[in-house]
Amino acid sequence: AMATGGRIVPRFVELEEKKLGKAGKVKEVSFGTTKDSMIVIEDCANSKAVTILVRGGNRMILEETKRSLHDALCVARNLVTD
């Protein structure tokens, strides 16, 4: 909702055109050996939002990767704000 400028609608009956956001392209992408899929929304009005998809062989690898990404993002934030 933040990236597209739309509003979160709790009930389907309340869905109206003015509550929808705007995006240039919306597509479903399949990946991996299990044919997982995700919806990718591109060319949004507020393109400051990003998603980082983390996958790994087991939970320990995922948790370590998430910690490493968090540390790297904190370093980047500190470089930009200093």
PDB file of N, CA and C in Angstrom:
ATOM      1  N   ALA A   1       0.827  -1.191   0.000  1.00  0.00           N
ATOM      2  CA  ALA A   1       0.000   0.000   0.000  1.00  0.00           C
ATOM      3  C   ALA A   1       0.871   1.255   0.000  1.00  0.00           C
ATOM      4  N   MET A   2       1.964   1.237   0.773  1.00  0.00           N
ATOM      5  CA  MET A   2       2.819   2.424   0.842  1.00  0.00           C
ATOM      6  C   MET A   2       3.479   2.726  -0.501  1.00  0.00           C
ATOM      7  N   ALA A   3       3.966   1.716  -1.167  1.00  0.00           N
ATOM      8  CA  ALA A   3       4.688   1.924  -2.421  1.00  0.00           C
ATOM      9  C   ALA A   3       3.766   2.378  -3.545  1.00  0.00           C
ATOM     10  N   THR A   4       2.546   1.858  -3.583  1.00  0.00           N
ATOM     11  CA  THR A   4       1.635   2.171  -4.686  1.00  0.00           C
ATOM     12  C   THR A   4       0.748   3.379  -4.412  1.00  0.00           C
ATOM     13  N   GLY A   5       0.730   3.854  -3.169  1.00  0.00           N
ATOM     14  CA  GLY A   5      -0.147   4.970  -2.828  1.00  0.00           C
ATOM     15  C   GLY A   5      -1.568   4.524  -2.563  1.00  0.00           C
ATOM     16  N   GLY A   6      -1.773   3.227  -2.434  1.00  0.00           N
ATOM     17  CA  GLY A   6      -3.111   2.708  -2.163  1.00  0.00           C
ATOM     18  C   GLY A   6      -3.415   2.688  -0.677  1.00  0.00           C
ATOM     19  N   ARG A   7      -4.609   2.243  -0.339  1.00  0.00           N
ATOM     20  CA  ARG A   7      -5.031   2.128   1.050  1.00  0.00           C
ATOM     21  C   ARG A   7      -5.366   0.679   1.344  1.00  0.00           C
ATOM     22  N   ILE A   8      -5.099   0.244   2.551  1.00  0.00           N
ATOM     23  CA  ILE A   8      -5.453  -1.109   2.961  1.00  0.00           C
ATOM     24  C   ILE A   8      -6.952  -1.160   3.206  1.00  0.00           C
ATOM     25  N   VAL A   9      -7.610  -2.132   2.594  1.00  0.00           N
ATOM     26  CA  VAL A   9      -9.060  -2.275   2.699  1.00  0.00           C
ATOM     27  C   VAL A   9      -9.349  -3.560   3.471  1.00  0.00           C
ATOM     28  N   PRO A  10      -9.994  -3.460   4.643  1.00  0.00           N
ATOM     29  CA  PRO A  10     -10.208  -4.651   5.465  1.00  0.00           C
ATOM     30  C   PRO A  10     -11.268  -5.609   4.914  1.00  0.00           C
ATOM     31  N   ARG A  11     -12.229  -5.081   4.171  1.00  0.00           N
ATOM     32  CA  ARG A  11     -13.294  -5.929   3.630  1.00  0.00           C
ATOM     33  C   ARG A  11     -13.434  -5.701   2.128  1.00  0.00           C
ATOM     34  N   PHE A  12     -13.617  -6.803   1.411  1.00  0.00           N
ATOM     35  CA  PHE A  12     -13.698  -6.743  -0.047  1.00  0.00           C
ATOM     36  C   PHE A  12     -14.828  -5.834  -0.511  1.00  0.00           C
ATOM     37  N   VAL A  13     -15.924  -5.787   0.211  1.00  0.00           N
ATOM     38  CA  VAL A  13     -17.067  -4.957  -0.201  1.00  0.00           C
ATOM     39  C   VAL A  13     -16.741  -3.466  -0.127  1.00  0.00           C
ATOM     40  N   GLU A  14     -15.696  -3.092   0.620  1.00  0.00           N
ATOM     41  CA  GLU A  14     -15.299  -1.688   0.736  1.00  0.00           C
ATOM     42  C   GLU A  14     -14.299  -1.266  -0.331  1.00  0.00           C
ATOM     43  N   LEU A  15     -13.944  -2.168  -1.217  1.00  0.00           N
ATOM     44  CA  LEU A  15     -12.956  -1.866  -2.248  1.00  0.00           C
ATOM     45  C   LEU A  15     -13.535  -0.894  -3.269  1.00  0.00           C
ATOM     46  N   GLU A  16     -12.841   0.233  -3.456  1.00  0.00           N
ATOM     47  CA  GLU A  16     -13.261   1.256  -4.414  1.00  0.00           C
ATOM     48  C   GLU A  16     -12.041   1.679  -5.237  1.00  0.00           C
ATOM     49  N   GLU A  17     -12.300   2.234  -6.392  1.00  0.00           N
ATOM     50  CA  GLU A  17     -11.207   2.639  -7.278  1.00  0.00           C
ATOM     51  C   GLU A  17     -10.291   3.668  -6.627  1.00  0.00           C
ATOM     52  N   LYS A  18     -10.846   4.596  -5.849  1.00  0.00           N
ATOM     53  CA  LYS A  18     -10.020   5.642  -5.233  1.00  0.00           C
ATOM     54  C   LYS A  18      -9.079   5.085  -4.163  1.00  0.00           C
ATOM     55  N   LYS A  19      -9.344   3.872  -3.654  1.00  0.00           N
ATOM     56  CA  LYS A  19      -8.483   3.252  -2.648  1.00  0.00           C
ATOM     57  C   LYS A  19      -7.373   2.413  -3.270  1.00  0.00           C
ATOM     58  N   LEU A  20      -7.452   2.178  -4.567  1.00  0.00           N
ATOM     59  CA  LEU A  20      -6.406   1.426  -5.250  1.00  0.00           C
ATOM     60  C   LEU A  20      -5.216   2.326  -5.527  1.00  0.00           C
ATOM     61  N   GLY A  21      -4.030   1.770  -5.496  1.00  0.00           N
ATOM     62  CA  GLY A  21      -2.836   2.533  -5.813  1.00  0.00           C
ATOM     63  C   GLY A  21      -2.521   2.445  -7.301  1.00  0.00           C
ATOM     64  N   LYS A  22      -1.342   2.944  -7.652  1.00  0.00           N
ATOM     65  CA  LYS A  22      -0.918   2.911  -9.051  1.00  0.00           C
ATOM     66  C   LYS A  22       0.427   2.220  -9.158  1.00  0.00           C
ATOM     67  N   ALA A  23       0.537   1.360 -10.156  1.00  0.00           N
ATOM     68  CA  ALA A  23       1.789   0.661 -10.437  1.00  0.00           C
ATOM     69  C   ALA A  23       1.917   0.493 -11.942  1.00  0.00           C
ATOM     70  N   GLY A  24       3.150   0.528 -12.425  1.00  0.00           N
ATOM     71  CA  GLY A  24       3.376   0.366 -13.852  1.00  0.00           C
ATOM     72  C   GLY A  24       3.203  -1.076 -14.299  1.00  0.00           C
ATOM     73  N   LYS A  25       3.666  -2.017 -13.459  1.00  0.00           N
ATOM     74  CA  LYS A  25       3.628  -3.417 -13.853  1.00  0.00           C
ATOM     75  C   LYS A  25       3.435  -4.292 -12.623  1.00  0.00           C
ATOM     76  N   VAL A  26       2.532  -5.268 -12.714  1.00  0.00           N
ATOM     77  CA  VAL A  26       2.319  -6.253 -11.652  1.00  0.00           C
ATOM     78  C   VAL A  26       2.415  -7.624 -12.309  1.00  0.00           C
ATOM     79  N   LYS A  27       3.300  -8.491 -11.752  1.00  0.00           N
ATOM     80  CA  LYS A  27       3.460  -9.814 -12.343  1.00  0.00           C
ATOM     81  C   LYS A  27       3.751 -10.837 -11.252  1.00  0.00           C
ATOM     82  N   GLU A  28       3.451 -12.079 -11.557  1.00  0.00           N
ATOM     83  CA  GLU A  28       3.758 -13.183 -10.661  1.00  0.00           C
ATOM     84  C   GLU A  28       4.995 -13.892 -11.191  1.00  0.00           C
ATOM     85  N   VAL A  29       5.989 -14.081 -10.321  1.00  0.00           N
ATOM     86  CA  VAL A  29       7.258 -14.681 -10.709  1.00  0.00           C
ATOM     87  C   VAL A  29       7.427 -15.995  -9.966  1.00  0.00           C
ATOM     88  N   SER A  30       7.741 -17.071 -10.703  1.00  0.00           N
ATOM     89  CA  SER A  30       8.033 -18.370 -10.097  1.00  0.00           C
ATOM     90  C   SER A  30       9.541 -18.542  -9.993  1.00  0.00           C
ATOM     91  N   PHE A  31       9.990 -19.197  -8.924  1.00  0.00           N
ATOM     92  CA  PHE A  31      11.414 -19.394  -8.729  1.00  0.00           C
ATOM     93  C   PHE A  31      11.642 -20.638  -7.890  1.00  0.00           C
ATOM     94  N   GLY A  32      12.873 -21.126  -7.911  1.00  0.00           N
ATOM     95  CA  GLY A  32      13.249 -22.262  -7.076  1.00  0.00           C
ATOM     96  C   GLY A  32      12.783 -23.589  -7.637  1.00  0.00           C
ATOM     97  N   THR A  33      13.235 -24.646  -6.978  1.00  0.00           N
ATOM     98  CA  THR A  33      12.884 -25.996  -7.421  1.00  0.00           C
ATOM     99  C   THR A  33      11.493 -26.407  -6.971  1.00  0.00           C
ATOM    100  N   THR A  34      10.935 -25.714  -5.965  1.00  0.00           N
ATOM    101  CA  THR A  34       9.592 -26.049  -5.484  1.00  0.00           C
ATOM    102  C   THR A  34       8.526 -25.202  -6.167  1.00  0.00           C
ATOM    103  N   LYS A  35       8.942 -24.415  -7.144  1.00  0.00           N
ATOM    104  CA  LYS A  35       8.037 -23.540  -7.887  1.00  0.00           C
ATOM    105  C   LYS A  35       7.285 -22.581  -6.970  1.00  0.00           C
ATOM    106  N   ASP A  36       8.021 -22.018  -6.006  1.00  0.00           N
ATOM    107  CA  ASP A  36       7.449 -20.956  -5.186  1.00  0.00           C
ATOM    108  C   ASP A  36       7.161 -19.769  -6.094  1.00  0.00           C
ATOM    109  N   SER A  37       6.266 -18.922  -5.673  1.00  0.00           N
ATOM    110  CA  SER A  37       5.975 -17.748  -6.486  1.00  0.00           C
ATOM    111  C   SER A  37       5.756 -16.540  -5.588  1.00  0.00           C
ATOM    112  N   MET A  38       5.960 -15.365  -6.167  1.00  0.00           N
ATOM    113  CA  MET A  38       5.695 -14.116  -5.468  1.00  0.00           C
ATOM    114  C   MET A  38       5.178 -13.104  -6.474  1.00  0.00           C
ATOM    115  N   ILE A  39       4.476 -12.122  -5.979  1.00  0.00           N
ATOM    116  CA  ILE A  39       3.949 -11.067  -6.829  1.00  0.00           C
ATOM    117  C   ILE A  39       4.922  -9.904  -6.781  1.00  0.00           C
ATOM    118  N   VAL A  40       5.345  -9.435  -7.950  1.00  0.00           N
ATOM    119  CA  VAL A  40       6.291  -8.328  -8.072  1.00  0.00           C
ATOM    120  C   VAL A  40       5.528  -7.124  -8.603  1.00  0.00           C
ATOM    121  N   ILE A  41       5.651  -6.009  -7.892  1.00  0.00           N
ATOM    122  CA  ILE A  41       4.989  -4.766  -8.291  1.00  0.00           C
ATOM    123  C   ILE A  41       6.086  -3.766  -8.627  1.00  0.00           C
ATOM    124  N   GLU A  42       6.088  -3.275  -9.864  1.00  0.00           N
ATOM    125  CA  GLU A  42       7.154  -2.389 -10.338  1.00  0.00           C
ATOM    126  C   GLU A  42       6.592  -1.030 -10.746  1.00  0.00           C
ATOM    127  N   ASP A  43       7.496  -0.055 -10.845  1.00  0.00           N
ATOM    128  CA  ASP A  43       7.159   1.309 -11.288  1.00  0.00           C
ATOM    129  C   ASP A  43       6.057   1.918 -10.435  1.00  0.00           C
ATOM    130  N   CYS A  44       6.269   1.907  -9.119  1.00  0.00           N
ATOM    131  CA  CYS A  44       5.284   2.437  -8.180  1.00  0.00           C
ATOM    132  C   CYS A  44       5.443   3.945  -8.013  1.00  0.00           C
ATOM    133  N   ALA A  45       4.402   4.572  -7.505  1.00  0.00           N
ATOM    134  CA  ALA A  45       4.420   6.016  -7.279  1.00  0.00           C
ATOM    135  C   ALA A  45       5.450   6.386  -6.209  1.00  0.00           C
ATOM    136  N   ASN A  46       5.545   5.597  -5.153  1.00  0.00           N
ATOM    137  CA  ASN A  46       6.502   5.845  -4.064  1.00  0.00           C
ATOM    138  C   ASN A  46       7.513   4.715  -4.070  1.00  0.00           C
ATOM    139  N   SER A  47       8.521   4.827  -4.905  1.00  0.00           N
ATOM    140  CA  SER A  47       9.452   3.715  -5.121  1.00  0.00           C
ATOM    141  C   SER A  47      10.575   3.643  -4.089  1.00  0.00           C
ATOM    142  N   LYS A  48      10.341   4.132  -2.880  1.00  0.00           N
ATOM    143  CA  LYS A  48      11.337   4.042  -1.822  1.00  0.00           C
ATOM    144  C   LYS A  48      11.276   2.706  -1.101  1.00  0.00           C
ATOM    145  N   ALA A  49      10.326   1.879  -1.415  1.00  0.00           N
ATOM    146  CA  ALA A  49      10.158   0.588  -0.754  1.00  0.00           C
ATOM    147  C   ALA A  49      10.834  -0.512  -1.560  1.00  0.00           C
ATOM    148  N   VAL A  50      11.518  -1.414  -0.863  1.00  0.00           N
ATOM    149  CA  VAL A  50      12.125  -2.571  -1.501  1.00  0.00           C
ATOM    150  C   VAL A  50      11.850  -3.805  -0.658  1.00  0.00           C
ATOM    151  N   THR A  51      11.945  -4.957  -1.285  1.00  0.00           N
ATOM    152  CA  THR A  51      11.797  -6.226  -0.588  1.00  0.00           C
ATOM    153  C   THR A  51      13.040  -7.055  -0.851  1.00  0.00           C
ATOM    154  N   ILE A  52      13.567  -7.650   0.190  1.00  0.00           N
ATOM    155  CA  ILE A  52      14.703  -8.548   0.057  1.00  0.00           C
ATOM    156  C   ILE A  52      14.203  -9.947   0.369  1.00  0.00           C
ATOM    157  N   LEU A  53      14.283 -10.833  -0.588  1.00  0.00           N
ATOM    158  CA  LEU A  53      13.848 -12.219  -0.423  1.00  0.00           C
ATOM    159  C   LEU A  53      15.038 -13.041   0.039  1.00  0.00           C
ATOM    160  N   VAL A  54      14.900 -13.697   1.185  1.00  0.00           N
ATOM    161  CA  VAL A  54      15.976 -14.505   1.749  1.00  0.00           C
ATOM    162  C   VAL A  54      15.525 -15.959   1.755  1.00  0.00           C
ATOM    163  N   ARG A  55      16.330 -16.818   1.134  1.00  0.00           N
ATOM    164  CA  ARG A  55      16.052 -18.255   1.121  1.00  0.00           C
ATOM    165  C   ARG A  55      17.305 -18.991   1.549  1.00  0.00           C
ATOM    166  N   GLY A  56      17.127 -20.149   2.160  1.00  0.00           N
ATOM    167  CA  GLY A  56      18.275 -20.919   2.598  1.00  0.00           C
ATOM    168  C   GLY A  56      17.911 -22.371   2.830  1.00  0.00           C
ATOM    169  N   GLY A  57      18.919 -23.181   3.023  1.00  0.00           N
ATOM    170  CA  GLY A  57      18.719 -24.616   3.193  1.00  0.00           C
ATOM    171  C   GLY A  57      18.069 -25.004   4.504  1.00  0.00           C
ATOM    172  N   ASN A  58      18.309 -24.214   5.546  1.00  0.00           N
ATOM    173  CA  ASN A  58      17.690 -24.524   6.835  1.00  0.00           C
ATOM    174  C   ASN A  58      17.498 -23.235   7.626  1.00  0.00           C
ATOM    175  N   ARG A  59      16.840 -23.337   8.760  1.00  0.00           N
ATOM    176  CA  ARG A  59      16.499 -22.157   9.552  1.00  0.00           C
ATOM    177  C   ARG A  59      17.748 -21.437  10.081  1.00  0.00           C
ATOM    178  N   MET A  60      18.786 -22.177  10.429  1.00  0.00           N
ATOM    179  CA  MET A  60      19.997 -21.552  10.943  1.00  0.00           C
ATOM    180  C   MET A  60      20.641 -20.646   9.884  1.00  0.00           C
ATOM    181  N   ILE A  61      20.696 -21.122   8.650  1.00  0.00           N
ATOM    182  CA  ILE A  61      21.249 -20.318   7.546  1.00  0.00           C
ATOM    183  C   ILE A  61      20.403 -19.063   7.345  1.00  0.00           C
ATOM    184  N   LEU A  62      19.091 -19.213   7.368  1.00  0.00           N
ATOM    185  CA  LEU A  62      18.205 -18.055   7.197  1.00  0.00           C
ATOM    186  C   LEU A  62      18.415 -17.021   8.293  1.00  0.00           C
ATOM    187  N   GLU A  63      18.474 -17.470   9.535  1.00  0.00           N
ATOM    188  CA  GLU A  63      18.648 -16.537  10.652  1.00  0.00           C
ATOM    189  C   GLU A  63      19.988 -15.813  10.563  1.00  0.00           C
ATOM    190  N   GLU A  64      21.046 -16.525  10.220  1.00  0.00           N
ATOM    191  CA  GLU A  64      22.362 -15.900  10.084  1.00  0.00           C
ATOM    192  C   GLU A  64      22.369 -14.902   8.934  1.00  0.00           C
ATOM    193  N   THR A  65      21.702 -15.239   7.836  1.00  0.00           N
ATOM    194  CA  THR A  65      21.613 -14.331   6.696  1.00  0.00           C
ATOM    195  C   THR A  65      20.843 -13.076   7.067  1.00  0.00           C
ATOM    196  N   LYS A  66      19.742 -13.244   7.788  1.00  0.00           N
ATOM    197  CA  LYS A  66      18.958 -12.082   8.222  1.00  0.00           C
ATOM    198  C   LYS A  66      19.770 -11.183   9.146  1.00  0.00           C
ATOM    199  N   ARG A  67      20.535 -11.764  10.061  1.00  0.00           N
ATOM    200  CA  ARG A  67      21.389 -10.962  10.947  1.00  0.00           C
ATOM    201  C   ARG A  67      22.451 -10.210  10.140  1.00  0.00           C
ATOM    202  N   SER A  68      23.047 -10.882   9.176  1.00  0.00           N
ATOM    203  CA  SER A  68      24.078 -10.238   8.348  1.00  0.00           C
ATOM    204  C   SER A  68      23.495  -9.091   7.527  1.00  0.00           C
ATOM    205  N   LEU A  69      22.319  -9.297   6.950  1.00  0.00           N
ATOM    206  CA  LEU A  69      21.659  -8.228   6.192  1.00  0.00           C
ATOM    207  C   LEU A  69      21.323  -7.048   7.097  1.00  0.00           C
ATOM    208  N   HIS A  70      20.833  -7.342   8.283  1.00  0.00           N
ATOM    209  CA  HIS A  70      20.506  -6.277   9.228  1.00  0.00           C
ATOM    210  C   HIS A  70      21.752  -5.459   9.558  1.00  0.00           C
ATOM    211  N   ASP A  71      22.858  -6.140   9.848  1.00  0.00           N
ATOM    212  CA  ASP A  71      24.113  -5.445  10.153  1.00  0.00           C
ATOM    213  C   ASP A  71      24.563  -4.576   8.977  1.00  0.00           C
ATOM    214  N   ALA A  72      24.491  -5.120   7.770  1.00  0.00           N
ATOM    215  CA  ALA A  72      24.910  -4.371   6.577  1.00  0.00           C
ATOM    216  C   ALA A  72      24.022  -3.147   6.347  1.00  0.00           C
ATOM    217  N   LEU A  73      22.721  -3.291   6.544  1.00  0.00           N
ATOM    218  CA  LEU A  73      21.813  -2.146   6.370  1.00  0.00           C
ATOM    219  C   LEU A  73      22.059  -1.083   7.427  1.00  0.00           C
ATOM    220  N   CYS A  74      22.394  -1.499   8.642  1.00  0.00           N
ATOM    221  CA  CYS A  74      22.702  -0.529   9.703  1.00  0.00           C
ATOM    222  C   CYS A  74      23.976   0.244   9.369  1.00  0.00           C
ATOM    223  N   VAL A  75      24.981  -0.438   8.834  1.00  0.00           N
ATOM    224  CA  VAL A  75      26.219   0.233   8.436  1.00  0.00           C
ATOM    225  C   VAL A  75      25.924   1.249   7.334  1.00  0.00           C
ATOM    226  N   ALA A  76      25.143   0.850   6.339  1.00  0.00           N
ATOM    227  CA  ALA A  76      24.795   1.771   5.242  1.00  0.00           C
ATOM    228  C   ALA A  76      24.028   2.965   5.775  1.00  0.00           C
ATOM    229  N   ARG A  77      23.080   2.736   6.682  1.00  0.00           N
ATOM    230  CA  ARG A  77      22.304   3.833   7.273  1.00  0.00           C
ATOM    231  C   ARG A  77      23.227   4.799   8.003  1.00  0.00           C
ATOM    232  N   ASN A  78      24.175   4.252   8.784  1.00  0.00           N
ATOM    233  CA  ASN A  78      25.094   5.112   9.535  1.00  0.00           C
ATOM    234  C   ASN A  78      25.994   5.923   8.613  1.00  0.00           C
ATOM    235  N   LEU A  79      26.396   5.351   7.484  1.00  0.00           N
ATOM    236  CA  LEU A  79      27.211   6.098   6.521  1.00  0.00           C
ATOM    237  C   LEU A  79      26.428   7.250   5.901  1.00  0.00           C
ATOM    238  N   VAL A  80      25.159   7.010   5.634  1.00  0.00           N
ATOM    239  CA  VAL A  80      24.336   8.042   4.998  1.00  0.00           C
ATOM    240  C   VAL A  80      23.982   9.159   5.986  1.00  0.00           C
ATOM    241  N   THR A  81      23.702   8.805   7.244  1.00  0.00           N
ATOM    242  CA  THR A  81      23.274   9.815   8.209  1.00  0.00           C
ATOM    243  C   THR A  81      24.421  10.585   8.844  1.00  0.00           C
ATOM    244  N   ASP A  82      25.631  10.063   8.776  1.00  0.00           N
ATOM    245  CA  ASP A  82      26.785  10.769   9.367  1.00  0.00           C
ATOM    246  C   ASP A  82      27.362  11.804   8.428  1.00  0.00           C
TER     247      ASP A  82
END
